[in-house]
Amino acid sequence: MLVGACARGVKTDATMAPVNIPASFDVTLLAAKEYQFDYQDVPLTQESLRAALNYRKDQSLPMSTVLLKRGEKQKVTDRHIAELAQISVALGFTAFVQDDDEINEIRTTIKDN
């Protein structure tokens, strides 16, 4: 399975569709160095983040929207976006990224090989 994420880049009908930005997000992540994510002041790898968000989902805590923002010392990279997109597809939540002051939805496409 191949997952593609569109937060920037080519503008197609799918990426140009209006975005419903929620008033608040269930989870907010910060980009951290070495392609990690800062979740509740703890730096996590993609695998650890997936486990933490899955635990949150298992505990019936709100888990429908996740926002990824620039960290104190690290900007959001394409790798951060791609890794969060993979987690969002696996766990079934909607992911967003804040770049400067603009919030965009991370939209995914799935292709079977």
Protein backbone atom coordinates (compact mmCIF):
# COMPACT_ATOMS: atom_id res chain seq x y z
CA MET A 1 0.00 0.00 0.00
CA LEU A 2 1.29 3.48 -0.88
CA VAL A 3 0.08 6.60 0.91
CA GLY A 4 0.54 10.02 -0.65
CA ALA A 5 0.02 13.23 1.29
CA CYS A 6 -0.98 16.57 -0.19
CA ALA A 7 -0.46 19.57 2.05
CA ARG A 8 1.62 21.48 -0.44
CA GLY A 9 2.62 20.93 -4.02
CA VAL A 10 0.49 20.11 -7.04
CA LYS A 11 -2.92 21.74 -7.10
CA THR A 12 -5.60 19.30 -8.25
CA ASP A 13 -9.35 19.20 -7.68
CA ALA A 14 -8.77 17.05 -4.60
CA THR A 15 -6.20 19.41 -3.10
CA MET A 16 -8.13 22.56 -4.01
CA ALA A 17 -11.42 21.45 -2.38
CA PRO A 18 -12.50 23.68 0.54
CA VAL A 19 -11.04 22.78 3.92
CA ASN A 20 -13.23 22.62 7.02
CA ILE A 21 -10.92 23.81 9.78
CA PRO A 22 -12.25 22.95 13.24
CA ALA A 23 -12.43 25.62 15.95
CA SER A 24 -10.16 23.44 18.11
CA PHE A 25 -8.12 20.28 17.65
CA ASP A 26 -8.18 17.09 19.72
CA VAL A 27 -4.37 16.76 19.61
CA THR A 28 -1.66 19.30 18.82
CA LEU A 29 1.83 18.13 17.85
CA LEU A 30 5.00 20.11 17.34
CA ALA A 31 7.65 19.23 14.79
CA ALA A 32 10.85 18.15 16.52
CA LYS A 33 14.37 17.51 15.29
CA GLU A 34 15.39 14.21 13.70
CA TYR A 35 11.91 13.88 12.19
CA GLN A 36 10.32 13.34 15.59
CA PHE A 37 7.08 14.78 16.98
CA ASP A 38 6.67 16.59 20.28
CA TYR A 39 3.50 15.25 21.92
CA GLN A 40 2.73 16.50 25.44
CA ASP A 41 6.35 17.71 25.80
CA VAL A 42 7.77 14.28 24.88
CA PRO A 43 9.69 13.75 21.62
CA LEU A 44 8.36 10.66 19.83
CA THR A 45 9.31 8.76 16.70
CA GLN A 46 6.62 7.91 14.15
CA GLU A 47 6.12 4.47 15.71
CA SER A 48 5.91 5.84 19.26
CA LEU A 49 3.50 8.59 18.18
CA ARG A 50 1.26 6.04 16.48
CA ALA A 51 1.21 3.95 19.67
CA ALA A 52 0.43 7.02 21.82
CA LEU A 53 -2.41 8.15 19.55
CA ASN A 54 -3.75 4.60 19.31
CA TYR A 55 -3.76 4.41 23.12
CA ARG A 56 -5.66 7.70 23.24
CA LYS A 57 -8.20 6.25 20.78
CA ASP A 58 -8.48 3.03 22.82
CA GLN A 59 -9.22 5.12 25.93
CA SER A 60 -12.16 6.75 24.06
CA LEU A 61 -10.53 10.18 24.26
CA PRO A 62 -11.31 12.63 21.43
CA MET A 63 -9.21 11.60 18.44
CA SER A 64 -10.78 12.97 15.26
CA THR A 65 -8.48 15.94 14.51
CA VAL A 66 -4.72 16.41 14.89
CA LEU A 67 -2.78 19.61 14.21
CA LEU A 68 0.96 19.60 13.42
CA LYS A 69 2.73 22.90 14.06
CA ARG A 70 6.26 24.23 13.80
CA GLY A 71 8.36 23.40 16.83
CA GLU A 72 10.43 25.89 18.77
CA LYS A 73 13.59 24.92 16.88
CA GLN A 74 12.26 22.83 13.98
CA LYS A 75 10.07 23.64 11.00
CA VAL A 76 7.55 21.14 9.66
CA THR A 77 9.19 19.04 6.94
CA ASP A 78 7.71 16.95 4.14
CA ARG A 79 8.79 13.87 6.09
CA HIS A 80 6.81 15.02 9.15
CA ILE A 81 3.76 15.47 6.92
CA ALA A 82 4.16 12.08 5.21
CA GLU A 83 4.62 10.24 8.50
CA LEU A 84 1.59 11.94 10.07
CA ALA A 85 -0.43 11.13 6.94
CA GLN A 86 0.41 7.43 7.34
CA ILE A 87 -0.69 7.49 10.98
CA SER A 88 -3.91 9.35 10.12
CA VAL A 89 -4.87 6.74 7.54
CA ALA A 90 -4.11 3.88 9.93
CA LEU A 91 -6.01 5.37 12.87
CA GLY A 92 -8.78 7.16 10.98
CA PHE A 93 -8.38 10.80 12.01
CA THR A 94 -8.10 14.03 10.02
CA ALA A 95 -4.67 15.65 10.13
CA PHE A 96 -3.88 19.33 9.62
CA VAL A 97 -0.62 21.26 9.34
CA GLN A 98 -0.03 24.88 10.31
CA ASP A 99 2.54 26.59 8.12
CA ASP A 100 3.15 30.22 9.07
CA ASP A 101 -0.37 31.33 10.02
CA GLU A 102 -2.19 29.16 7.48
CA ILE A 103 -3.79 25.82 8.39
CA ASN A 104 -4.19 23.15 5.69
CA GLU A 105 -5.62 19.66 5.78
CA ILE A 106 -3.21 16.82 5.04
CA ARG A 107 -5.15 14.93 2.38
CA THR A 108 -4.15 11.41 1.50
CA THR A 109 -4.58 9.13 -1.44
CA ILE A 110 -4.14 5.39 -1.13
CA LYS A 111 -3.01 3.14 -3.96
CA ASP A 112 -2.69 -0.63 -3.73
CA ASN A 113 0.40 -2.05 -5.39
